[in-house]
């Protein structure tokens, strides 16, 4: 695997994990009990993006490491995935 391919795969994993993990730990202004005038009650209470980015990078690195290890040591590839769509007879 070239370095470009490795970075591209990590990039895709990182963004996928980011969009899946953004809502975790998010507290709204209404839940905190301090709604700022001019904003909706469902707006986030504070910026938590630093924690999300750090947590996201660690989780993405673990997923990438598992995929890399499975490919390198176990020889797994996309061809080893089970078929989702069965073969129908002609």
PDB file of N, CA and C in Angstrom:
ATOM      1  N   UNK A   1       0.856  -1.169   0.000  1.00  0.00           N
ATOM      2  CA  UNK A   1       0.000   0.000   0.000  1.00  0.00           C
ATOM      3  C   UNK A   1       0.905   1.235   0.000  1.00  0.00           C
ATOM      4  N   UNK A   2       0.653   2.120  -0.910  1.00  0.00           N
ATOM      5  CA  UNK A   2       1.443   3.348  -0.978  1.00  0.00           C
ATOM      6  C   UNK A   2       1.022   4.306   0.125  1.00  0.00           C
ATOM      7  N   UNK A   3       1.864   5.272   0.411  1.00  0.00           N
ATOM      8  CA  UNK A   3       1.556   6.244   1.463  1.00  0.00           C
ATOM      9  C   UNK A   3       0.314   7.050   1.090  1.00  0.00           C
ATOM     10  N   UNK A   4       0.135   7.339  -0.196  1.00  0.00           N
ATOM     11  CA  UNK A   4      -1.051   8.078  -0.631  1.00  0.00           C
ATOM     12  C   UNK A   4      -2.316   7.269  -0.361  1.00  0.00           C
ATOM     13  N   UNK A   5      -2.278   5.986  -0.642  1.00  0.00           N
ATOM     14  CA  UNK A   5      -3.440   5.133  -0.383  1.00  0.00           C
ATOM     15  C   UNK A   5      -3.736   5.039   1.110  1.00  0.00           C
ATOM     16  N   UNK A   6      -2.689   4.921   1.921  1.00  0.00           N
ATOM     17  CA  UNK A   6      -2.876   4.829   3.362  1.00  0.00           C
ATOM     18  C   UNK A   6      -3.501   6.111   3.916  1.00  0.00           C
ATOM     19  N   UNK A   7      -3.026   7.259   3.454  1.00  0.00           N
ATOM     20  CA  UNK A   7      -3.583   8.536   3.906  1.00  0.00           C
ATOM     21  C   UNK A   7      -5.025   8.684   3.431  1.00  0.00           C
ATOM     22  N   UNK A   8      -5.307   8.266   2.209  1.00  0.00           N
ATOM     23  CA  UNK A   8      -6.667   8.372   1.677  1.00  0.00           C
ATOM     24  C   UNK A   8      -7.638   7.492   2.460  1.00  0.00           C
ATOM     25  N   UNK A   9      -7.236   6.288   2.803  1.00  0.00           N
ATOM     26  CA  UNK A   9      -8.097   5.390   3.565  1.00  0.00           C
ATOM     27  C   UNK A   9      -8.326   5.956   4.967  1.00  0.00           C
ATOM     28  N   UNK A  10      -7.258   6.458   5.602  1.00  0.00           N
ATOM     29  CA  UNK A  10      -7.406   7.055   6.934  1.00  0.00           C
ATOM     30  C   UNK A  10      -8.322   8.275   6.878  1.00  0.00           C
ATOM     31  N   UNK A  11      -8.194   9.079   5.838  1.00  0.00           N
ATOM     32  CA  UNK A  11      -9.025  10.267   5.660  1.00  0.00           C
ATOM     33  C   UNK A  11     -10.501   9.892   5.586  1.00  0.00           C
ATOM     34  N   UNK A  12     -10.821   8.877   4.819  1.00  0.00           N
ATOM     35  CA  UNK A  12     -12.216   8.433   4.688  1.00  0.00           C
ATOM     36  C   UNK A  12     -12.727   7.895   6.027  1.00  0.00           C
ATOM     37  N   UNK A  13     -11.911   7.092   6.712  1.00  0.00           N
ATOM     38  CA  UNK A  13     -12.320   6.564   8.018  1.00  0.00           C
ATOM     39  C   UNK A  13     -12.517   7.707   9.006  1.00  0.00           C
ATOM     40  N   UNK A  14     -11.600   8.689   9.001  1.00  0.00           N
ATOM     41  CA  UNK A  14     -11.664   9.803   9.948  1.00  0.00           C
ATOM     42  C   UNK A  14     -12.960  10.583   9.781  1.00  0.00           C
ATOM     43  N   UNK A  15     -13.320  10.913   8.538  1.00  0.00           N
ATOM     44  CA  UNK A  15     -14.544  11.688   8.302  1.00  0.00           C
ATOM     45  C   UNK A  15     -15.788  10.871   8.627  1.00  0.00           C
ATOM     46  N   UNK A  16     -15.785   9.591   8.334  1.00  0.00           N
ATOM     47  CA  UNK A  16     -16.935   8.747   8.656  1.00  0.00           C
ATOM     48  C   UNK A  16     -17.142   8.673  10.171  1.00  0.00           C
ATOM     49  N   UNK A  17     -16.055   8.467  10.902  1.00  0.00           N
ATOM     50  CA  UNK A  17     -16.147   8.414  12.360  1.00  0.00           C
ATOM     51  C   UNK A  17     -16.548   9.774  12.916  1.00  0.00           C
ATOM     52  N   UNK A  18     -16.063  10.862  12.312  1.00  0.00           N
ATOM     53  CA  UNK A  18     -16.413  12.202  12.786  1.00  0.00           C
ATOM     54  C   UNK A  18     -17.914  12.426  12.741  1.00  0.00           C
ATOM     55  N   UNK A  19     -18.531  12.141  11.614  1.00  0.00           N
ATOM     56  CA  UNK A  19     -19.961  12.386  11.496  1.00  0.00           C
ATOM     57  C   UNK A  19     -20.775  11.444  12.377  1.00  0.00           C
ATOM     58  N   UNK A  20     -20.218  10.287  12.700  1.00  0.00           N
ATOM     59  CA  UNK A  20     -20.919   9.371  13.595  1.00  0.00           C
ATOM     60  C   UNK A  20     -20.755   9.774  15.054  1.00  0.00           C
ATOM     61  N   UNK A  21     -19.668  10.464  15.401  1.00  0.00           N
ATOM     62  CA  UNK A  21     -19.384  10.737  16.813  1.00  0.00           C
ATOM     63  C   UNK A  21     -19.670  12.167  17.264  1.00  0.00           C
ATOM     64  N   UNK A  22     -20.008  13.065  16.384  1.00  0.00           N
ATOM     65  CA  UNK A  22     -20.267  14.454  16.778  1.00  0.00           C
ATOM     66  C   UNK A  22     -21.376  14.562  17.827  1.00  0.00           C
ATOM     67  N   UNK A  23     -22.492  13.866  17.696  1.00  0.00           N
ATOM     68  CA  UNK A  23     -23.565  14.064  18.681  1.00  0.00           C
ATOM     69  C   UNK A  23     -23.252  13.532  20.079  1.00  0.00           C
ATOM     70  N   UNK A  24     -22.292  12.622  20.235  1.00  0.00           N
ATOM     71  CA  UNK A  24     -22.004  12.046  21.548  1.00  0.00           C
ATOM     72  C   UNK A  24     -21.396  13.096  22.459  1.00  0.00           C
ATOM     73  N   UNK A  25     -21.973  13.265  23.624  1.00  0.00           N
ATOM     74  CA  UNK A  25     -21.482  14.223  24.600  1.00  0.00           C
ATOM     75  C   UNK A  25     -21.973  15.641  24.374  1.00  0.00           C
ATOM     76  N   UNK A  26     -22.808  15.852  23.378  1.00  0.00           N
ATOM     77  CA  UNK A  26     -23.318  17.186  23.089  1.00  0.00           C
ATOM     78  C   UNK A  26     -24.465  17.511  24.036  1.00  0.00           C
ATOM     79  N   UNK A  27     -24.384  18.681  24.648  1.00  0.00           N
ATOM     80  CA  UNK A  27     -25.446  19.145  25.544  1.00  0.00           C
ATOM     81  C   UNK A  27     -26.008  20.430  24.971  1.00  0.00           C
ATOM     82  N   UNK A  28     -27.324  20.520  24.961  1.00  0.00           N
ATOM     83  CA  UNK A  28     -27.974  21.717  24.433  1.00  0.00           C
ATOM     84  C   UNK A  28     -28.053  22.788  25.516  1.00  0.00           C
ATOM     85  N   UNK A  29     -28.339  24.015  25.064  1.00  0.00           N
ATOM     86  CA  UNK A  29     -28.488  25.113  26.012  1.00  0.00           C
ATOM     87  C   UNK A  29     -29.665  24.866  26.950  1.00  0.00           C
ATOM     88  N   UNK A  30     -30.701  24.248  26.429  1.00  0.00           N
ATOM     89  CA  UNK A  30     -31.872  23.953  27.261  1.00  0.00           C
ATOM     90  C   UNK A  30     -31.519  22.954  28.364  1.00  0.00           C
ATOM     91  N   UNK A  31     -30.720  21.943  28.035  1.00  0.00           N
ATOM     92  CA  UNK A  31     -30.305  20.963  29.034  1.00  0.00           C
ATOM     93  C   UNK A  31     -29.403  21.595  30.096  1.00  0.00           C
ATOM     94  N   UNK A  32     -28.599  22.554  29.683  1.00  0.00           N
ATOM     95  CA  UNK A  32     -27.708  23.239  30.624  1.00  0.00           C
ATOM     96  C   UNK A  32     -28.447  24.277  31.459  1.00  0.00           C
ATOM     97  N   UNK A  33     -29.609  24.706  30.989  1.00  0.00           N
ATOM     98  CA  UNK A  33     -30.402  25.682  31.717  1.00  0.00           C
ATOM     99  C   UNK A  33     -29.978  27.122  31.491  1.00  0.00           C
ATOM    100  N   UNK A  34     -29.236  27.379  30.438  1.00  0.00           N
ATOM    101  CA  UNK A  34     -28.795  28.752  30.157  1.00  0.00           C
ATOM    102  C   UNK A  34     -28.915  29.034  28.665  1.00  0.00           C
ATOM    103  N   UNK A  35     -30.117  29.427  28.242  1.00  0.00           N
ATOM    104  CA  UNK A  35     -30.362  29.744  26.842  1.00  0.00           C
ATOM    105  C   UNK A  35     -29.951  31.197  26.601  1.00  0.00           C
ATOM    106  N   UNK A  36     -29.039  31.393  25.666  1.00  0.00           N
ATOM    107  CA  UNK A  36     -28.576  32.733  25.326  1.00  0.00           C
ATOM    108  C   UNK A  36     -29.649  33.411  24.481  1.00  0.00           C
ATOM    109  N   UNK A  37     -30.034  34.642  24.814  1.00  0.00           N
ATOM    110  CA  UNK A  37     -31.057  35.337  24.024  1.00  0.00           C
ATOM    111  C   UNK A  37     -30.638  35.458  22.554  1.00  0.00           C
ATOM    112  N   UNK A  38     -31.587  35.187  21.675  1.00  0.00           N
ATOM    113  CA  UNK A  38     -31.328  35.262  20.239  1.00  0.00           C
ATOM    114  C   UNK A  38     -30.928  33.930  19.621  1.00  0.00           C
ATOM    115  N   UNK A  39     -30.791  32.886  20.436  1.00  0.00           N
ATOM    116  CA  UNK A  39     -30.466  31.568  19.914  1.00  0.00           C
ATOM    117  C   UNK A  39     -31.596  30.609  20.260  1.00  0.00           C
ATOM    118  N   UNK A  40     -31.630  29.488  19.572  1.00  0.00           N
ATOM    119  CA  UNK A  40     -32.647  28.479  19.881  1.00  0.00           C
ATOM    120  C   UNK A  40     -32.209  27.662  21.086  1.00  0.00           C
ATOM    121  N   UNK A  41     -33.170  27.096  21.752  1.00  0.00           N
ATOM    122  CA  UNK A  41     -32.868  26.299  22.946  1.00  0.00           C
ATOM    123  C   UNK A  41     -32.105  25.028  22.605  1.00  0.00           C
ATOM    124  N   UNK A  42     -32.197  24.572  21.355  1.00  0.00           N
ATOM    125  CA  UNK A  42     -31.524  23.340  20.958  1.00  0.00           C
ATOM    126  C   UNK A  42     -30.098  23.566  20.472  1.00  0.00           C
ATOM    127  N   UNK A  43     -29.615  24.804  20.540  1.00  0.00           N
ATOM    128  CA  UNK A  43     -28.238  25.094  20.132  1.00  0.00           C
ATOM    129  C   UNK A  43     -27.274  24.484  21.145  1.00  0.00           C
ATOM    130  N   UNK A  44     -26.080  24.091  20.691  1.00  0.00           N
ATOM    131  CA  UNK A  44     -25.110  23.520  21.635  1.00  0.00           C
ATOM    132  C   UNK A  44     -24.755  24.505  22.742  1.00  0.00           C
ATOM    133  N   UNK A  45     -24.516  23.969  23.939  1.00  0.00           N
ATOM    134  CA  UNK A  45     -24.207  24.812  25.091  1.00  0.00           C
ATOM    135  C   UNK A  45     -22.797  25.373  25.004  1.00  0.00           C
ATOM    136  N   UNK A  46     -21.897  24.689  24.393  1.00  0.00           N
ATOM    137  CA  UNK A  46     -20.523  25.155  24.265  1.00  0.00           C
ATOM    138  C   UNK A  46     -19.797  24.350  23.205  1.00  0.00           C
ATOM    139  N   UNK A  47     -18.675  24.868  22.806  1.00  0.00           N
ATOM    140  CA  UNK A  47     -17.897  24.164  21.792  1.00  0.00           C
ATOM    141  C   UNK A  47     -17.212  22.957  22.420  1.00  0.00           C
ATOM    142  N   UNK A  48     -17.458  21.824  21.859  1.00  0.00           N
ATOM    143  CA  UNK A  48     -16.811  20.608  22.328  1.00  0.00           C
ATOM    144  C   UNK A  48     -16.018  19.953  21.199  1.00  0.00           C
ATOM    145  N   UNK A  49     -15.687  20.736  20.176  1.00  0.00           N
ATOM    146  CA  UNK A  49     -15.040  20.174  18.988  1.00  0.00           C
ATOM    147  C   UNK A  49     -13.619  19.676  19.267  1.00  0.00           C
ATOM    148  N   UNK A  50     -12.894  20.300  20.188  1.00  0.00           N
ATOM    149  CA  UNK A  50     -11.533  19.829  20.470  1.00  0.00           C
ATOM    150  C   UNK A  50     -11.577  18.393  20.994  1.00  0.00           C
ATOM    151  N   UNK A  51     -12.478  18.127  21.932  1.00  0.00           N
ATOM    152  CA  UNK A  51     -12.616  16.767  22.453  1.00  0.00           C
ATOM    153  C   UNK A  51     -13.076  15.801  21.370  1.00  0.00           C
ATOM    154  N   UNK A  52     -13.998  16.250  20.523  1.00  0.00           N
ATOM    155  CA  UNK A  52     -14.512  15.386  19.449  1.00  0.00           C
ATOM    156  C   UNK A  52     -13.401  15.044  18.458  1.00  0.00           C
ATOM    157  N   UNK A  53     -12.586  16.021  18.089  1.00  0.00           N
ATOM    158  CA  UNK A  53     -11.511  15.773  17.125  1.00  0.00           C
ATOM    159  C   UNK A  53     -10.466  14.829  17.704  1.00  0.00           C
ATOM    160  N   UNK A  54     -10.105  15.022  18.970  1.00  0.00           N
ATOM    161  CA  UNK A  54      -9.121  14.132  19.595  1.00  0.00           C
ATOM    162  C   UNK A  54      -9.674  12.713  19.707  1.00  0.00           C
ATOM    163  N   UNK A  55     -10.905  12.596  20.221  1.00  0.00           N
ATOM    164  CA  UNK A  55     -11.531  11.279  20.346  1.00  0.00           C
ATOM    165  C   UNK A  55     -11.691  10.627  18.974  1.00  0.00           C
ATOM    166  N   UNK A  56     -12.071  11.417  17.983  1.00  0.00           N
ATOM    167  CA  UNK A  56     -12.274  10.924  16.635  1.00  0.00           C
ATOM    168  C   UNK A  56     -10.968  10.413  16.032  1.00  0.00           C
ATOM    169  N   UNK A  57      -9.890  11.139  16.230  1.00  0.00           N
ATOM    170  CA  UNK A  57      -8.599  10.730  15.685  1.00  0.00           C
ATOM    171  C   UNK A  57      -8.126   9.424  16.303  1.00  0.00           C
ATOM    172  N   UNK A  58      -8.347   9.254  17.598  1.00  0.00           N
ATOM    173  CA  UNK A  58      -7.946   8.012  18.267  1.00  0.00           C
ATOM    174  C   UNK A  58      -8.770   6.836  17.765  1.00  0.00           C
ATOM    175  N   UNK A  59     -10.087   7.019  17.678  1.00  0.00           N
ATOM    176  CA  UNK A  59     -10.957   5.926  17.198  1.00  0.00           C
ATOM    177  C   UNK A  59     -10.645   5.585  15.740  1.00  0.00           C
ATOM    178  N   UNK A  60     -10.430   6.596  14.902  1.00  0.00           N
ATOM    179  CA  UNK A  60     -10.105   6.342  13.498  1.00  0.00           C
ATOM    180  C   UNK A  60      -8.766   5.618  13.367  1.00  0.00           C
ATOM    181  N   UNK A  61      -7.790   5.973  14.204  1.00  0.00           N
ATOM    182  CA  UNK A  61      -6.491   5.294  14.167  1.00  0.00           C
ATOM    183  C   UNK A  61      -6.634   3.829  14.593  1.00  0.00           C
ATOM    184  N   UNK A  62      -7.479   3.564  15.594  1.00  0.00           N
ATOM    185  CA  UNK A  62      -7.705   2.179  16.014  1.00  0.00           C
ATOM    186  C   UNK A  62      -8.381   1.360  14.915  1.00  0.00           C
ATOM    187  N   UNK A  63      -9.375   1.956  14.261  1.00  0.00           N
ATOM    188  CA  UNK A  63     -10.060   1.262  13.160  1.00  0.00           C
ATOM    189  C   UNK A  63      -9.097   1.021  12.009  1.00  0.00           C
ATOM    190  N   UNK A  64      -8.315   2.054  11.666  1.00  0.00           N
ATOM    191  CA  UNK A  64      -7.341   1.902  10.581  1.00  0.00           C
ATOM    192  C   UNK A  64      -6.311   0.832  10.937  1.00  0.00           C
ATOM    193  N   UNK A  65      -5.847   0.830  12.180  1.00  0.00           N
ATOM    194  CA  UNK A  65      -4.883  -0.186  12.605  1.00  0.00           C
ATOM    195  C   UNK A  65      -5.450  -1.589  12.518  1.00  0.00           C
ATOM    196  N   UNK A  66      -6.713  -1.754  12.895  1.00  0.00           N
ATOM    197  CA  UNK A  66      -7.349  -3.068  12.794  1.00  0.00           C
ATOM    198  C   UNK A  66      -7.471  -3.507  11.337  1.00  0.00           C
ATOM    199  N   UNK A  67      -7.864  -2.590  10.474  1.00  0.00           N
ATOM    200  CA  UNK A  67      -7.968  -2.930   9.047  1.00  0.00           C
ATOM    201  C   UNK A  67      -6.608  -3.236   8.437  1.00  0.00           C
ATOM    202  N   UNK A  68      -5.596  -2.438   8.799  1.00  0.00           N
ATOM    203  CA  UNK A  68      -4.246  -2.664   8.288  1.00  0.00           C
ATOM    204  C   UNK A  68      -3.699  -3.991   8.793  1.00  0.00           C
ATOM    205  N   UNK A  69      -3.902  -4.257  10.099  1.00  0.00           N
ATOM    206  CA  UNK A  69      -3.431  -5.521  10.651  1.00  0.00           C
ATOM    207  C   UNK A  69      -4.127  -6.716  10.023  1.00  0.00           C
ATOM    208  N   UNK A  70      -5.424  -6.601   9.804  1.00  0.00           N
ATOM    209  CA  UNK A  70      -6.143  -7.678   9.148  1.00  0.00           C
ATOM    210  C   UNK A  70      -5.674  -7.919   7.733  1.00  0.00           C
ATOM    211  N   UNK A  71      -5.318  -6.853   7.043  1.00  0.00           N
ATOM    212  CA  UNK A  71      -4.813  -6.987   5.679  1.00  0.00           C
ATOM    213  C   UNK A  71      -3.385  -7.505   5.662  1.00  0.00           C
ATOM    214  N   UNK A  72      -2.534  -6.998   6.549  1.00  0.00           N
ATOM    215  CA  UNK A  72      -1.110  -7.340   6.528  1.00  0.00           C
ATOM    216  C   UNK A  72      -0.845  -8.738   7.076  1.00  0.00           C
ATOM    217  N   UNK A  73      -1.377  -9.036   8.278  1.00  0.00           N
ATOM    218  CA  UNK A  73      -1.061 -10.301   8.915  1.00  0.00           C
ATOM    219  C   UNK A  73      -2.023 -11.421   8.549  1.00  0.00           C
ATOM    220  N   UNK A  74      -3.277 -11.105   8.331  1.00  0.00           N
ATOM    221  CA  UNK A  74      -4.257 -12.150   8.035  1.00  0.00           C
ATOM    222  C   UNK A  74      -4.592 -12.269   6.558  1.00  0.00           C
ATOM    223  N   UNK A  75      -4.168 -11.296   5.774  1.00  0.00           N
ATOM    224  CA  UNK A  75      -4.396 -11.357   4.337  1.00  0.00           C
ATOM    225  C   UNK A  75      -5.818 -11.058   3.917  1.00  0.00           C
ATOM    226  N   UNK A  76      -6.574 -10.390   4.775  1.00  0.00           N
ATOM    227  CA  UNK A  76      -7.951 -10.046   4.431  1.00  0.00           C
ATOM    228  C   UNK A  76      -7.966  -9.011   3.323  1.00  0.00           C
ATOM    229  N   UNK A  77      -8.974  -9.103   2.468  1.00  0.00           N
ATOM    230  CA  UNK A  77      -9.182  -8.101   1.432  1.00  0.00           C
ATOM    231  C   UNK A  77     -10.689  -7.956   1.204  1.00  0.00           C
ATOM    232  N   UNK A  78     -11.048  -7.074   0.299  1.00  0.00           N
ATOM    233  CA  UNK A  78     -12.469  -6.893  -0.006  1.00  0.00           C
ATOM    234  C   UNK A  78     -13.080  -8.145  -0.614  1.00  0.00           C
ATOM    235  N   UNK A  79     -12.266  -8.987  -1.237  1.00  0.00           N
ATOM    236  CA  UNK A  79     -12.782 -10.227  -1.811  1.00  0.00           C
ATOM    237  C   UNK A  79     -13.222 -11.219  -0.741  1.00  0.00           C
ATOM    238  N   UNK A  80     -12.769 -11.034   0.489  1.00  0.00           N
ATOM    239  CA  UNK A  80     -13.131 -11.945   1.565  1.00  0.00           C
ATOM    240  C   UNK A  80     -14.458 -11.598   2.223  1.00  0.00           C
ATOM    241  N   UNK A  81     -15.012 -10.459   1.891  1.00  0.00           N
ATOM    242  CA  UNK A  81     -16.309 -10.086   2.457  1.00  0.00           C
ATOM    243  C   UNK A  81     -17.395 -11.005   1.908  1.00  0.00           C
ATOM    244  N   UNK A  82     -18.348 -11.358   2.752  1.00  0.00           N
ATOM    245  CA  UNK A  82     -19.425 -12.220   2.241  1.00  0.00           C
ATOM    246  C   UNK A  82     -20.269 -11.483   1.204  1.00  0.00           C
ATOM    247  N   UNK A  83     -20.865 -12.240   0.362  1.00  0.00           N
ATOM    248  CA  UNK A  83     -21.714 -11.643  -0.674  1.00  0.00           C
ATOM    249  C   UNK A  83     -22.990 -11.101  -0.051  1.00  0.00           C
ATOM    250  N   UNK A  84     -23.312  -9.874  -0.386  1.00  0.00           N
ATOM    251  CA  UNK A  84     -24.548  -9.271   0.117  1.00  0.00           C
ATOM    252  C   UNK A  84     -25.706  -9.643  -0.769  1.00  0.00           C
ATOM    253  N   UNK A  85     -25.452  -9.642  -2.058  1.00  0.00           N
ATOM    254  CA  UNK A  85     -26.488  -9.985  -3.028  1.00  0.00           C
ATOM    255  C   UNK A  85     -26.211 -11.401  -3.529  1.00  0.00           C
ATOM    256  N   UNK A  86     -27.156 -12.307  -3.362  1.00  0.00           N
ATOM    257  CA  UNK A  86     -26.911 -13.695  -3.799  1.00  0.00           C
ATOM    258  C   UNK A  86     -26.866 -13.806  -5.323  1.00  0.00           C
ATOM    259  N   UNK A  87     -26.203 -14.856  -5.779  1.00  0.00           N
ATOM    260  CA  UNK A  87     -26.182 -15.155  -7.214  1.00  0.00           C
ATOM    261  C   UNK A  87     -27.470 -15.887  -7.578  1.00  0.00           C
ATOM    262  N   UNK A  88     -28.253 -15.301  -8.455  1.00  0.00           N
ATOM    263  CA  UNK A  88     -29.473 -15.937  -8.901  1.00  0.00           C
ATOM    264  C   UNK A  88     -29.208 -16.717 -10.177  1.00  0.00           C
ATOM    265  N   UNK A  89     -29.824 -17.885 -10.306  1.00  0.00           N
ATOM    266  CA  UNK A  89     -29.616 -18.656 -11.535  1.00  0.00           C
ATOM    267  C   UNK A  89     -30.237 -17.927 -12.737  1.00  0.00           C
ATOM    268  N   UNK A  90     -29.609 -18.108 -13.862  1.00  0.00           N
ATOM    269  CA  UNK A  90     -30.094 -17.467 -15.101  1.00  0.00           C
ATOM    270  C   UNK A  90     -31.349 -18.086 -15.629  1.00  0.00           C
TER     271      UNK A  90
END
